[in-house]
Amino acid sequence: MGATPATLTMSQWTTPSVMPAATPASIAFPPAPSTRAAASEASAWPAATAQRVPMTWVVEVGVWAGAVCWELAESRLMAAIILVGEPPAKGRRATLGAMNPPLIGVSTSVTVAKYPERAYVNAAYLNAVQQAGGVPVPLPPQLELPGRAELLKRLHGVLLTGGGDVDPARFGEPTHPTTADISAARDGLEIELTRWAMDKHVPLLAICRGLQVLNVALGGSLHQDISSGPGSPLDHSQAALQGNARSMTTHQVKVQGGSRLAGILGALEVDVNSFHHQAINRLGRGLKDVAWAPDSIIEGVELGDNAHFVVGVQWHPEELVGHDRTARNLFAALVERARASA
């Protein structure tokens, strides 16, 4: 890739002979709605006959470049495509949907046990969002205010990912001996993300732990360990599998006809993988259970309010997108809804 482009402000004008190549350092987020409106009002599209020097928008991470296109670099890192010209007004931006991938915030895990503290995320989530046409933006729990608030303003969708257990104190229960990998920082960020997404009508897809976080954020509770309850014929943790276990399916899920989830999947029965030992117990406010395993464990939920796109599944579709249409449909639905609301 080429040299890192110089940083410009909105008041600087240039006519480059050669457009600089984008680098990962020049990744830029679109502005918050208020900033977008101000920019559009301040500078409408010039008339075709107007003699005006074009403007190259290139900025560093965290500041909008005015770019309406993105591409994935060969390294699979995101690189902004540098455009010449002013950013379009709001109405014109709406016509550029196919060229304007939405930013999907992706929650991350955190570890302090084996290494110095770090945030990390399974690349399968990032790849699934990219394949669906979105731009994944990892959200580390260590991100503090006001940076967190500024980043949230720029997101068009949220993906809550799998990981460790939710602190049972958040739903008023003592910790079970099998409960593990609790992160207060991650719990706090993801519960905040959930409530923010619902308040702002930002589309949200919740996977495995994410479904459990969604439920707890809305006042629900969890079974802390399925195997400690009444006997179940299913091994929801796929503990016996080896090799390519994450892309293998081990049980079936039945989906309620007429539900949003059924419409997204395009099926009433799906074969799923399974990597969890906890499950929904008491449903959170406004949630409907719409998918179940053969042992009646809740495998899918959605918000009863159709004005919000809030869907959660207990399995791991990010590991199945390579060969399963229903898995791809979940990420496509999130990205398309995010694009429509961008």
C-alpha atoms as a PDB file:
ATOM      1  CA  MET A   1       0.000   0.000   0.000  1.00  0.00           C
ATOM      2  CA  GLY A   2       1.130   3.592  -0.577  1.00  0.00           C
ATOM      3  CA  ALA A   3       2.445   6.172   1.826  1.00  0.00           C
ATOM      4  CA  THR A   4       0.200   7.433   4.584  1.00  0.00           C
ATOM      5  CA  PRO A   5      -1.801  10.410   3.256  1.00  0.00           C
ATOM      6  CA  ALA A   6      -1.485  13.782   4.917  1.00  0.00           C
ATOM      7  CA  THR A   7      -4.198  14.876   7.294  1.00  0.00           C
ATOM      8  CA  LEU A   8      -6.434  17.655   6.008  1.00  0.00           C
ATOM      9  CA  THR A   9      -9.064  19.748   7.703  1.00  0.00           C
ATOM     10  CA  MET A  10     -12.383  20.691   6.167  1.00  0.00           C
ATOM     11  CA  SER A  11     -11.008  24.152   5.412  1.00  0.00           C
ATOM     12  CA  GLN A  12      -8.002  22.925   3.422  1.00  0.00           C
ATOM     13  CA  TRP A  13      -8.310  22.580  -0.344  1.00  0.00           C
ATOM     14  CA  THR A  14      -6.007  20.727  -2.675  1.00  0.00           C
ATOM     15  CA  THR A  15      -5.900  19.465  -6.228  1.00  0.00           C
ATOM     16  CA  PRO A  16      -3.722  16.365  -6.117  1.00  0.00           C
ATOM     17  CA  SER A  17      -2.228  15.095  -9.333  1.00  0.00           C
ATOM     18  CA  VAL A  18      -2.341  11.563  -7.979  1.00  0.00           C
ATOM     19  CA  MET A  19      -4.807  10.391  -5.358  1.00  0.00           C
ATOM     20  CA  PRO A  20      -2.906   8.901  -2.395  1.00  0.00           C
ATOM     21  CA  ALA A  21      -3.479   5.287  -1.481  1.00  0.00           C
ATOM     22  CA  ALA A  22      -5.385   4.657   1.716  1.00  0.00           C
ATOM     23  CA  THR A  23      -3.684   2.965   4.623  1.00  0.00           C
ATOM     24  CA  PRO A  24      -5.104   1.405   7.772  1.00  0.00           C
ATOM     25  CA  ALA A  25      -4.062   4.573   9.579  1.00  0.00           C
ATOM     26  CA  SER A  26      -6.455   6.594   7.423  1.00  0.00           C
ATOM     27  CA  ILE A  27      -9.540   4.634   8.382  1.00  0.00           C
ATOM     28  CA  ALA A  28     -12.217   7.164   9.238  1.00  0.00           C
ATOM     29  CA  PHE A  29     -15.656   6.940  10.724  1.00  0.00           C
ATOM     30  CA  PRO A  30     -18.642   8.851   9.358  1.00  0.00           C
ATOM     31  CA  PRO A  31     -19.786  11.771  11.476  1.00  0.00           C
ATOM     32  CA  ALA A  32     -22.466  11.819  14.097  1.00  0.00           C
ATOM     33  CA  PRO A  33     -25.894  12.819  12.660  1.00  0.00           C
ATOM     34  CA  SER A  34     -25.585  16.395  13.912  1.00  0.00           C
ATOM     35  CA  THR A  35     -22.150  16.749  12.315  1.00  0.00           C
ATOM     36  CA  ARG A  36     -23.377  15.256   9.055  1.00  0.00           C
ATOM     37  CA  ALA A  37     -26.276  17.680   8.925  1.00  0.00           C
ATOM     38  CA  ALA A  38     -23.996  20.646   9.585  1.00  0.00           C
ATOM     39  CA  ALA A  39     -21.559  19.555   6.909  1.00  0.00           C
ATOM     40  CA  SER A  40     -24.317  19.047   4.365  1.00  0.00           C
ATOM     41  CA  GLU A  41     -25.934  22.384   5.133  1.00  0.00           C
ATOM     42  CA  ALA A  42     -22.626  24.216   4.973  1.00  0.00           C
ATOM     43  CA  SER A  43     -21.634  22.862   1.587  1.00  0.00           C
ATOM     44  CA  ALA A  44     -24.173  21.584  -0.923  1.00  0.00           C
ATOM     45  CA  TRP A  45     -23.128  19.828  -4.114  1.00  0.00           C
ATOM     46  CA  PRO A  46     -21.674  22.360  -6.604  1.00  0.00           C
ATOM     47  CA  ALA A  47     -23.528  22.937  -9.848  1.00  0.00           C
ATOM     48  CA  ALA A  48     -22.149  21.221 -12.943  1.00  0.00           C
ATOM     49  CA  THR A  49     -21.002  24.556 -14.371  1.00  0.00           C
ATOM     50  CA  ALA A  50     -19.428  25.834 -11.182  1.00  0.00           C
ATOM     51  CA  GLN A  51     -15.668  26.400 -11.242  1.00  0.00           C
ATOM     52  CA  ARG A  52     -14.599  25.035  -7.926  1.00  0.00           C
ATOM     53  CA  VAL A  53     -11.413  23.337  -6.825  1.00  0.00           C
ATOM     54  CA  PRO A  54     -12.146  19.745  -5.756  1.00  0.00           C
ATOM     55  CA  MET A  55     -11.382  18.667  -2.234  1.00  0.00           C
ATOM     56  CA  THR A  56      -9.643  15.516  -1.080  1.00  0.00           C
ATOM     57  CA  TRP A  57     -10.906  14.316   2.266  1.00  0.00           C
ATOM     58  CA  VAL A  58      -8.248  12.392   4.163  1.00  0.00           C
ATOM     59  CA  VAL A  59      -8.148  12.207   7.942  1.00  0.00           C
ATOM     60  CA  GLU A  60      -6.837   9.982  10.697  1.00  0.00           C
ATOM     61  CA  VAL A  61      -8.719   7.357  12.699  1.00  0.00           C
ATOM     62  CA  GLY A  62     -11.806   8.643  14.486  1.00  0.00           C
ATOM     63  CA  VAL A  63     -12.507  11.650  12.255  1.00  0.00           C
ATOM     64  CA  TRP A  64     -14.819  11.558   9.273  1.00  0.00           C
ATOM     65  CA  ALA A  65     -13.135  11.719   5.905  1.00  0.00           C
ATOM     66  CA  GLY A  66     -16.328  12.332   3.992  1.00  0.00           C
ATOM     67  CA  ALA A  67     -15.672   9.122   2.091  1.00  0.00           C
ATOM     68  CA  VAL A  68     -18.793   7.271   1.002  1.00  0.00           C
ATOM     69  CA  CYS A  69     -16.946   4.136  -0.115  1.00  0.00           C
ATOM     70  CA  TRP A  70     -14.890   1.559   1.687  1.00  0.00           C
ATOM     71  CA  GLU A  71     -12.928  -1.441   0.543  1.00  0.00           C
ATOM     72  CA  LEU A  72     -11.180  -4.332   2.240  1.00  0.00           C
ATOM     73  CA  ALA A  73      -7.426  -4.262   1.826  1.00  0.00           C
ATOM     74  CA  GLU A  74      -5.586  -7.428   0.823  1.00  0.00           C
ATOM     75  CA  SER A  75      -4.465  -7.766   4.422  1.00  0.00           C
ATOM     76  CA  ARG A  76      -8.182  -7.879   5.366  1.00  0.00           C
ATOM     77  CA  LEU A  77      -7.733  -4.615   7.233  1.00  0.00           C
ATOM     78  CA  MET A  78     -10.165  -1.881   6.342  1.00  0.00           C
ATOM     79  CA  ALA A  79      -8.958   0.923   4.099  1.00  0.00           C
ATOM     80  CA  ALA A  80     -10.924   4.025   3.197  1.00  0.00           C
ATOM     81  CA  ILE A  81     -11.223   4.858  -0.481  1.00  0.00           C
ATOM     82  CA  ILE A  82     -10.216   8.472  -0.856  1.00  0.00           C
ATOM     83  CA  LEU A  83     -12.741  10.463  -2.849  1.00  0.00           C
ATOM     84  CA  VAL A  84     -12.460  13.838  -4.514  1.00  0.00           C
ATOM     85  CA  GLY A  85     -15.350  16.219  -3.994  1.00  0.00           C
ATOM     86  CA  GLU A  86     -17.524  17.384  -1.146  1.00  0.00           C
ATOM     87  CA  PRO A  87     -19.649  15.018   0.949  1.00  0.00           C
ATOM     88  CA  PRO A  88     -23.195  14.700  -0.404  1.00  0.00           C
ATOM     89  CA  ALA A  89     -26.170  16.191   1.330  1.00  0.00           C
ATOM     90  CA  LYS A  90     -28.315  13.822   3.373  1.00  0.00           C
ATOM     91  CA  GLY A  91     -30.800  13.131   0.591  1.00  0.00           C
ATOM     92  CA  ARG A  92     -28.079  12.299  -1.905  1.00  0.00           C
ATOM     93  CA  ARG A  93     -26.244  10.119   0.601  1.00  0.00           C
ATOM     94  CA  ALA A  94     -29.354   7.966   0.828  1.00  0.00           C
ATOM     95  CA  THR A  95     -29.006   7.102  -2.875  1.00  0.00           C
ATOM     96  CA  LEU A  96     -25.480   5.788  -2.340  1.00  0.00           C
ATOM     97  CA  GLY A  97     -26.486   2.863  -0.128  1.00  0.00           C
ATOM     98  CA  ALA A  98     -24.682   0.190  -2.109  1.00  0.00           C
ATOM     99  CA  MET A  99     -21.486   2.275  -1.966  1.00  0.00           C
ATOM    100  CA  ASN A 100     -21.750   3.119   1.710  1.00  0.00           C
ATOM    101  CA  PRO A 101     -21.150   0.062   3.921  1.00  0.00           C
ATOM    102  CA  PRO A 102     -22.584   0.539   7.412  1.00  0.00           C
ATOM    103  CA  LEU A 103     -20.333   0.443  10.459  1.00  0.00           C
ATOM    104  CA  ILE A 104     -21.176  -2.501  12.718  1.00  0.00           C
ATOM    105  CA  GLY A 105     -19.879  -2.311  16.276  1.00  0.00           C
ATOM    106  CA  VAL A 106     -18.581  -5.734  17.352  1.00  0.00           C
ATOM    107  CA  SER A 107     -18.183  -6.446  21.061  1.00  0.00           C
ATOM    108  CA  THR A 108     -14.943  -8.095  22.148  1.00  0.00           C
ATOM    109  CA  SER A 109     -13.756 -10.413  24.887  1.00  0.00           C
ATOM    110  CA  VAL A 110     -11.157  -9.398  27.449  1.00  0.00           C
ATOM    111  CA  THR A 111      -8.514 -11.508  29.156  1.00  0.00           C
ATOM    112  CA  VAL A 112      -6.132 -10.866  32.016  1.00  0.00           C
ATOM    113  CA  ALA A 113      -5.316 -14.479  32.895  1.00  0.00           C
ATOM    114  CA  LYS A 114      -2.644 -15.736  30.482  1.00  0.00           C
ATOM    115  CA  TYR A 115      -1.356 -12.466  29.036  1.00  0.00           C
ATOM    116  CA  PRO A 116      -1.198  -8.776  29.827  1.00  0.00           C
ATOM    117  CA  GLU A 117      -4.742  -7.430  29.636  1.00  0.00           C
ATOM    118  CA  ARG A 118      -6.063  -7.420  26.087  1.00  0.00           C
ATOM    119  CA  ALA A 119      -9.284  -7.283  24.106  1.00  0.00           C
ATOM    120  CA  TYR A 120      -9.804  -9.849  21.381  1.00  0.00           C
ATOM    121  CA  VAL A 121     -12.502 -11.173  19.066  1.00  0.00           C
ATOM    122  CA  ASN A 122     -12.937 -14.292  16.949  1.00  0.00           C
ATOM    123  CA  ALA A 123     -12.140 -13.304  13.356  1.00  0.00           C
ATOM    124  CA  ALA A 124     -15.162 -15.314  12.212  1.00  0.00           C
ATOM    125  CA  TYR A 125     -17.429 -12.485  13.425  1.00  0.00           C
ATOM    126  CA  LEU A 126     -15.445  -9.880  11.499  1.00  0.00           C
ATOM    127  CA  ASN A 127     -15.383 -11.988   8.348  1.00  0.00           C
ATOM    128  CA  ALA A 128     -19.123 -12.654   8.517  1.00  0.00           C
ATOM    129  CA  VAL A 129     -19.903  -8.930   8.792  1.00  0.00           C
ATOM    130  CA  GLN A 130     -17.543  -8.114   5.913  1.00  0.00           C
ATOM    131  CA  GLN A 131     -18.999 -10.820   3.689  1.00  0.00           C
ATOM    132  CA  ALA A 132     -22.453  -9.373   4.332  1.00  0.00           C
ATOM    133  CA  GLY A 133     -21.262  -5.938   3.178  1.00  0.00           C
ATOM    134  CA  GLY A 134     -20.636  -4.219   6.496  1.00  0.00           C
ATOM    135  CA  VAL A 135     -17.526  -2.772   8.116  1.00  0.00           C
ATOM    136  CA  PRO A 136     -16.814  -4.381  11.521  1.00  0.00           C
ATOM    137  CA  VAL A 137     -15.612  -2.016  14.245  1.00  0.00           C
ATOM    138  CA  PRO A 138     -14.264  -3.882  17.317  1.00  0.00           C
ATOM    139  CA  LEU A 139     -15.393  -2.343  20.612  1.00  0.00           C
ATOM    140  CA  PRO A 140     -12.888  -3.042  23.414  1.00  0.00           C
ATOM    141  CA  PRO A 141     -14.268  -2.973  26.976  1.00  0.00           C
ATOM    142  CA  GLN A 142     -11.287  -0.804  27.962  1.00  0.00           C
ATOM    143  CA  LEU A 143     -12.612   2.096  25.871  1.00  0.00           C
ATOM    144  CA  GLU A 144     -13.614   4.844  28.286  1.00  0.00           C
ATOM    145  CA  LEU A 145     -15.776   7.913  28.042  1.00  0.00           C
ATOM    146  CA  PRO A 146     -15.844  10.252  26.213  1.00  0.00           C
ATOM    147  CA  GLY A 147     -14.257   8.166  23.462  1.00  0.00           C
ATOM    148  CA  ARG A 148     -16.876   5.458  23.870  1.00  0.00           C
ATOM    149  CA  ALA A 149     -19.742   7.915  23.476  1.00  0.00           C
ATOM    150  CA  GLU A 150     -18.185   9.458  20.376  1.00  0.00           C
ATOM    151  CA  LEU A 151     -17.680   6.052  18.773  1.00  0.00           C
ATOM    152  CA  LEU A 152     -21.236   4.916  19.464  1.00  0.00           C
ATOM    153  CA  LYS A 153     -22.582   7.959  17.624  1.00  0.00           C
ATOM    154  CA  ARG A 154     -20.947   6.709  14.452  1.00  0.00           C
ATOM    155  CA  LEU A 155     -22.244   3.135  14.507  1.00  0.00           C
ATOM    156  CA  HIS A 156     -25.091   1.922  12.312  1.00  0.00           C
ATOM    157  CA  GLY A 157     -25.488  -1.519  13.881  1.00  0.00           C
ATOM    158  CA  VAL A 158     -24.337  -3.649  16.823  1.00  0.00           C
ATOM    159  CA  LEU A 159     -23.186  -7.270  17.020  1.00  0.00           C
ATOM    160  CA  LEU A 160     -22.964  -8.799  20.504  1.00  0.00           C
ATOM    161  CA  THR A 161     -20.581 -11.747  20.343  1.00  0.00           C
ATOM    162  CA  GLY A 162     -20.007 -14.951  22.300  1.00  0.00           C
ATOM    163  CA  GLY A 163     -17.613 -15.357  25.207  1.00  0.00           C
ATOM    164  CA  GLY A 164     -17.487 -15.840  28.972  1.00  0.00           C
ATOM    165  CA  ASP A 165     -20.366 -15.861  31.433  1.00  0.00           C
ATOM    166  CA  VAL A 166     -22.414 -12.859  32.533  1.00  0.00           C
ATOM    167  CA  ASP A 167     -22.002 -11.960  36.201  1.00  0.00           C
ATOM    168  CA  PRO A 168     -25.063 -13.511  37.933  1.00  0.00           C
ATOM    169  CA  ALA A 169     -25.119 -10.572  40.339  1.00  0.00           C
ATOM    170  CA  ARG A 170     -26.613  -8.636  37.431  1.00  0.00           C
ATOM    171  CA  PHE A 171     -29.759 -10.764  37.664  1.00  0.00           C
ATOM    172  CA  GLY A 172     -29.744 -11.141  41.445  1.00  0.00           C
ATOM    173  CA  GLU A 173     -28.296 -14.616  41.915  1.00  0.00           C
ATOM    174  CA  PRO A 174     -25.210 -16.020  43.655  1.00  0.00           C
ATOM    175  CA  THR A 175     -22.410 -17.351  41.480  1.00  0.00           C
ATOM    176  CA  HIS A 176     -22.697 -21.012  40.485  1.00  0.00           C
ATOM    177  CA  PRO A 177     -19.485 -23.095  40.771  1.00  0.00           C
ATOM    178  CA  THR A 178     -19.391 -23.552  36.985  1.00  0.00           C
ATOM    179  CA  THR A 179     -19.734 -19.850  36.160  1.00  0.00           C
ATOM    180  CA  ALA A 180     -16.463 -18.589  34.699  1.00  0.00           C
ATOM    181  CA  ASP A 181     -14.635 -15.876  32.764  1.00  0.00           C
ATOM    182  CA  ILE A 182     -16.669 -13.012  34.186  1.00  0.00           C
ATOM    183  CA  SER A 183     -15.608  -9.534  33.068  1.00  0.00           C
ATOM    184  CA  ALA A 184     -17.283  -6.597  34.775  1.00  0.00           C
ATOM    185  CA  ALA A 185     -15.945  -4.259  32.087  1.00  0.00           C
ATOM    186  CA  ARG A 186     -17.352  -6.360  29.254  1.00  0.00           C
ATOM    187  CA  ASP A 187     -20.705  -6.848  30.983  1.00  0.00           C
ATOM    188  CA  GLY A 188     -20.960  -3.109  31.520  1.00  0.00           C
ATOM    189  CA  LEU A 189     -20.107  -2.178  27.943  1.00  0.00           C
ATOM    190  CA  GLU A 190     -22.427  -4.728  26.353  1.00  0.00           C
ATOM    191  CA  ILE A 191     -25.380  -3.882  28.574  1.00  0.00           C
ATOM    192  CA  GLU A 192     -24.784  -0.221  27.752  1.00  0.00           C
ATOM    193  CA  LEU A 193     -24.590  -1.102  24.042  1.00  0.00           C
ATOM    194  CA  THR A 194     -27.861  -3.011  24.223  1.00  0.00           C
ATOM    195  CA  ARG A 195     -29.771  -0.221  25.897  1.00  0.00           C
ATOM    196  CA  TRP A 196     -28.215   2.420  23.647  1.00  0.00           C
ATOM    197  CA  ALA A 197     -29.123   0.451  20.513  1.00  0.00           C
ATOM    198  CA  MET A 198     -32.716   0.081  21.627  1.00  0.00           C
ATOM    199  CA  ASP A 199     -33.000   3.733  22.612  1.00  0.00           C
ATOM    200  CA  LYS A 200     -31.555   4.911  19.280  1.00  0.00           C
ATOM    201  CA  HIS A 201     -33.291   2.236  17.150  1.00  0.00           C
ATOM    202  CA  VAL A 202     -29.909   0.885  16.052  1.00  0.00           C
ATOM    203  CA  PRO A 203     -30.169  -2.692  14.672  1.00  0.00           C
ATOM    204  CA  LEU A 204     -28.752  -5.340  16.996  1.00  0.00           C
ATOM    205  CA  LEU A 205     -27.845  -8.996  16.473  1.00  0.00           C
ATOM    206  CA  ALA A 206     -26.889 -10.988  19.584  1.00  0.00           C
ATOM    207  CA  ILE A 207     -25.044 -14.321  19.406  1.00  0.00           C
ATOM    208  CA  CYS A 208     -24.628 -16.918  22.196  1.00  0.00           C
ATOM    209  CA  ARG A 209     -23.374 -14.883  25.189  1.00  0.00           C
ATOM    210  CA  GLY A 210     -24.760 -11.878  23.337  1.00  0.00           C
ATOM    211  CA  LEU A 211     -28.273 -13.337  23.526  1.00  0.00           C
ATOM    212  CA  GLN A 212     -27.784 -13.841  27.261  1.00  0.00           C
ATOM    213  CA  VAL A 213     -26.530 -10.263  27.697  1.00  0.00           C
ATOM    214  CA  LEU A 214     -29.548  -8.985  25.763  1.00  0.00           C
ATOM    215  CA  ASN A 215     -31.856 -10.916  28.077  1.00  0.00           C
ATOM    216  CA  VAL A 216     -30.129  -9.710  31.261  1.00  0.00           C
ATOM    217  CA  ALA A 217     -30.034  -6.096  30.031  1.00  0.00           C
ATOM    218  CA  LEU A 218     -33.827  -6.236  29.768  1.00  0.00           C
ATOM    219  CA  GLY A 219     -34.300  -7.643  33.260  1.00  0.00           C
ATOM    220  CA  GLY A 220     -34.230 -11.363  32.487  1.00  0.00           C
ATOM    221  CA  SER A 221     -32.280 -14.147  34.168  1.00  0.00           C
ATOM    222  CA  LEU A 222     -30.191 -17.155  33.125  1.00  0.00           C
ATOM    223  CA  HIS A 223     -29.787 -20.821  33.908  1.00  0.00           C
ATOM    224  CA  GLN A 224     -26.161 -20.684  35.056  1.00  0.00           C
ATOM    225  CA  ASP A 225     -25.432 -24.276  34.106  1.00  0.00           C
ATOM    226  CA  ILE A 226     -27.725 -26.396  31.945  1.00  0.00           C
ATOM    227  CA  SER A 227     -26.129 -29.685  32.940  1.00  0.00           C
ATOM    228  CA  SER A 228     -26.766 -28.988  36.625  1.00  0.00           C
ATOM    229  CA  GLY A 229     -30.510 -28.854  36.028  1.00  0.00           C
ATOM    230  CA  PRO A 230     -32.930 -31.575  34.923  1.00  0.00           C
ATOM    231  CA  GLY A 231     -31.302 -34.074  32.575  1.00  0.00           C
ATOM    232  CA  SER A 232     -30.970 -32.992  28.940  1.00  0.00           C
ATOM    233  CA  PRO A 233     -30.314 -35.329  26.008  1.00  0.00           C
ATOM    234  CA  LEU A 234     -28.311 -32.608  24.294  1.00  0.00           C
ATOM    235  CA  ASP A 235     -24.694 -31.641  24.810  1.00  0.00           C
ATOM    236  CA  HIS A 236     -25.023 -27.904  24.257  1.00  0.00           C
ATOM    237  CA  SER A 237     -21.282 -27.402  24.638  1.00  0.00           C
ATOM    238  CA  GLN A 238     -20.292 -29.914  21.926  1.00  0.00           C
ATOM    239  CA  ALA A 239     -17.609 -31.083  24.361  1.00  0.00           C
ATOM    240  CA  ALA A 240     -17.161 -34.463  22.672  1.00  0.00           C
ATOM    241  CA  LEU A 241     -16.307 -33.083  19.229  1.00  0.00           C
ATOM    242  CA  GLN A 242     -12.776 -32.689  17.923  1.00  0.00           C
ATOM    243  CA  GLY A 243     -11.107 -31.115  14.901  1.00  0.00           C
ATOM    244  CA  ASN A 244     -13.333 -28.691  12.975  1.00  0.00           C
ATOM    245  CA  ALA A 245     -15.929 -28.711  15.732  1.00  0.00           C
ATOM    246  CA  ARG A 246     -16.981 -25.072  15.432  1.00  0.00           C
ATOM    247  CA  SER A 247     -18.311 -25.508  11.901  1.00  0.00           C
ATOM    248  CA  MET A 248     -20.118 -28.768  12.682  1.00  0.00           C
ATOM    249  CA  THR A 249     -23.804 -28.881  13.587  1.00  0.00           C
ATOM    250  CA  THR A 250     -25.040 -31.139  16.374  1.00  0.00           C
ATOM    251  CA  HIS A 251     -28.728 -30.497  16.938  1.00  0.00           C
ATOM    252  CA  GLN A 252     -31.770 -28.959  15.338  1.00  0.00           C
ATOM    253  CA  VAL A 253     -33.653 -25.816  16.274  1.00  0.00           C
ATOM    254  CA  LYS A 254     -37.318 -25.206  15.509  1.00  0.00           C
ATOM    255  CA  VAL A 255     -38.359 -21.635  14.724  1.00  0.00           C
ATOM    256  CA  GLN A 256     -41.789 -20.113  15.212  1.00  0.00           C
ATOM    257  CA  GLY A 257     -43.588 -19.483  11.952  1.00  0.00           C
ATOM    258  CA  GLY A 258     -44.365 -15.836  11.283  1.00  0.00           C
ATOM    259  CA  SER A 259     -41.579 -14.598  13.543  1.00  0.00           C
ATOM    260  CA  ARG A 260     -38.986 -12.094  12.400  1.00  0.00           C
ATOM    261  CA  LEU A 261     -36.301 -14.727  12.935  1.00  0.00           C
ATOM    262  CA  ALA A 262     -38.102 -17.220  10.700  1.00  0.00           C
ATOM    263  CA  GLY A 263     -38.378 -14.580   7.995  1.00  0.00           C
ATOM    264  CA  ILE A 264     -34.669 -13.807   8.212  1.00  0.00           C
ATOM    265  CA  LEU A 265     -33.541 -17.431   8.210  1.00  0.00           C
ATOM    266  CA  GLY A 266     -35.983 -18.465   5.502  1.00  0.00           C
ATOM    267  CA  ALA A 267     -36.608 -21.719   7.388  1.00  0.00           C
ATOM    268  CA  LEU A 268     -38.586 -23.137  10.302  1.00  0.00           C
ATOM    269  CA  GLU A 269     -35.980 -25.765  11.143  1.00  0.00           C
ATOM    270  CA  VAL A 270     -32.219 -25.225  11.170  1.00  0.00           C
ATOM    271  CA  ASP A 271     -29.251 -27.396  12.095  1.00  0.00           C
ATOM    272  CA  VAL A 272     -26.978 -25.538  14.495  1.00  0.00           C
ATOM    273  CA  ASN A 273     -23.683 -25.768  16.336  1.00  0.00           C
ATOM    274  CA  SER A 274     -23.663 -25.235  20.092  1.00  0.00           C
ATOM    275  CA  PHE A 275     -21.039 -23.874  22.514  1.00  0.00           C
ATOM    276  CA  HIS A 276     -22.800 -22.795  25.697  1.00  0.00           C
ATOM    277  CA  HIS A 277     -23.491 -24.087  29.184  1.00  0.00           C
ATOM    278  CA  GLN A 278     -25.857 -21.272  30.168  1.00  0.00           C
ATOM    279  CA  ALA A 279     -29.277 -20.407  28.743  1.00  0.00           C
ATOM    280  CA  ILE A 280     -32.212 -18.059  29.165  1.00  0.00           C
ATOM    281  CA  ASN A 281     -34.374 -18.714  32.212  1.00  0.00           C
ATOM    282  CA  ARG A 282     -36.738 -15.776  32.738  1.00  0.00           C
ATOM    283  CA  LEU A 283     -37.279 -13.698  29.600  1.00  0.00           C
ATOM    284  CA  GLY A 284     -36.390 -10.018  29.671  1.00  0.00           C
ATOM    285  CA  ARG A 285     -38.963  -7.284  29.163  1.00  0.00           C
ATOM    286  CA  GLY A 286     -40.383  -7.157  25.654  1.00  0.00           C
ATOM    287  CA  LEU A 287     -38.524 -10.237  24.405  1.00  0.00           C
ATOM    288  CA  LYS A 288     -40.297 -13.161  22.757  1.00  0.00           C
ATOM    289  CA  ASP A 289     -38.811 -16.635  22.558  1.00  0.00           C
ATOM    290  CA  VAL A 290     -39.176 -17.783  18.955  1.00  0.00           C
ATOM    291  CA  ALA A 291     -36.791 -20.752  18.603  1.00  0.00           C
ATOM    292  CA  TRP A 292     -36.128 -23.830  20.732  1.00  0.00           C
ATOM    293  CA  ALA A 293     -33.862 -26.868  20.948  1.00  0.00           C
ATOM    294  CA  PRO A 294     -35.459 -30.336  21.288  1.00  0.00           C
ATOM    295  CA  ASP A 295     -34.984 -30.103  25.079  1.00  0.00           C
ATOM    296  CA  SER A 296     -36.913 -26.780  25.145  1.00  0.00           C
ATOM    297  CA  ILE A 297     -33.839 -24.609  25.740  1.00  0.00           C
ATOM    298  CA  ILE A 298     -34.527 -21.180  24.209  1.00  0.00           C
ATOM    299  CA  GLU A 299     -32.380 -20.791  21.091  1.00  0.00           C
ATOM    300  CA  GLY A 300     -33.771 -17.601  19.581  1.00  0.00           C
ATOM    301  CA  VAL A 301     -35.437 -14.381  20.733  1.00  0.00           C
ATOM    302  CA  GLU A 302     -36.594 -11.132  19.215  1.00  0.00           C
ATOM    303  CA  LEU A 303     -38.068  -7.898  20.464  1.00  0.00           C
ATOM    304  CA  GLY A 304     -41.842  -7.865  20.196  1.00  0.00           C
ATOM    305  CA  ASP A 305     -41.735  -4.255  18.995  1.00  0.00           C
ATOM    306  CA  ASN A 306     -41.364  -4.416  15.211  1.00  0.00           C
ATOM    307  CA  ALA A 307     -39.973  -0.877  15.174  1.00  0.00           C
ATOM    308  CA  HIS A 308     -36.708  -2.245  16.593  1.00  0.00           C
ATOM    309  CA  PHE A 309     -34.452  -4.765  14.865  1.00  0.00           C
ATOM    310  CA  VAL A 310     -33.328  -6.798  17.878  1.00  0.00           C
ATOM    311  CA  VAL A 311     -32.655 -10.499  17.265  1.00  0.00           C
ATOM    312  CA  GLY A 312     -30.685 -13.028  19.300  1.00  0.00           C
ATOM    313  CA  VAL A 313     -29.634 -16.635  18.675  1.00  0.00           C
ATOM    314  CA  GLN A 314     -27.963 -19.094  21.029  1.00  0.00           C
ATOM    315  CA  TRP A 315     -25.880 -20.847  18.367  1.00  0.00           C
ATOM    316  CA  HIS A 316     -22.854 -19.552  16.437  1.00  0.00           C
ATOM    317  CA  PRO A 317     -23.826 -18.617  12.856  1.00  0.00           C
ATOM    318  CA  GLU A 318     -20.486 -16.832  12.305  1.00  0.00           C
ATOM    319  CA  GLU A 319     -18.860 -20.283  12.124  1.00  0.00           C
ATOM    320  CA  LEU A 320     -21.385 -21.552   9.572  1.00  0.00           C
ATOM    321  CA  VAL A 321     -21.518 -18.804   6.935  1.00  0.00           C
ATOM    322  CA  GLY A 322     -19.202 -20.715   4.608  1.00  0.00           C
ATOM    323  CA  HIS A 323     -21.735 -23.454   3.955  1.00  0.00           C
ATOM    324  CA  ASP A 324     -25.063 -22.444   5.503  1.00  0.00           C
ATOM    325  CA  ARG A 325     -27.509 -20.038   3.869  1.00  0.00           C
ATOM    326  CA  THR A 326     -29.474 -19.375   7.062  1.00  0.00           C
ATOM    327  CA  ALA A 327     -26.288 -18.269   8.831  1.00  0.00           C
ATOM    328  CA  ARG A 328     -25.454 -15.840   6.017  1.00  0.00           C
ATOM    329  CA  ASN A 329     -29.011 -14.527   6.125  1.00  0.00           C
ATOM    330  CA  LEU A 330     -28.605 -13.413   9.741  1.00  0.00           C
ATOM    331  CA  PHE A 331     -25.618 -11.191   8.993  1.00  0.00           C
ATOM    332  CA  ALA A 332     -27.144  -9.945   5.747  1.00  0.00           C
ATOM    333  CA  ALA A 333     -30.278  -8.879   7.632  1.00  0.00           C
ATOM    334  CA  LEU A 334     -28.241  -6.975  10.223  1.00  0.00           C
ATOM    335  CA  VAL A 335     -26.153  -5.183   7.610  1.00  0.00           C
ATOM    336  CA  GLU A 336     -29.091  -4.302   5.371  1.00  0.00           C
ATOM    337  CA  ARG A 337     -31.124  -2.946   8.273  1.00  0.00           C
ATOM    338  CA  ALA A 338     -28.086  -0.968   9.436  1.00  0.00           C
ATOM    339  CA  ARG A 339     -27.589   0.390   5.915  1.00  0.00           C
ATOM    340  CA  ALA A 340     -31.217   1.487   5.757  1.00  0.00           C
ATOM    341  CA  SER A 341     -30.948   3.350   9.054  1.00  0.00           C
ATOM    342  CA  ALA A 342     -27.525   4.907   8.373  1.00  0.00           C
END
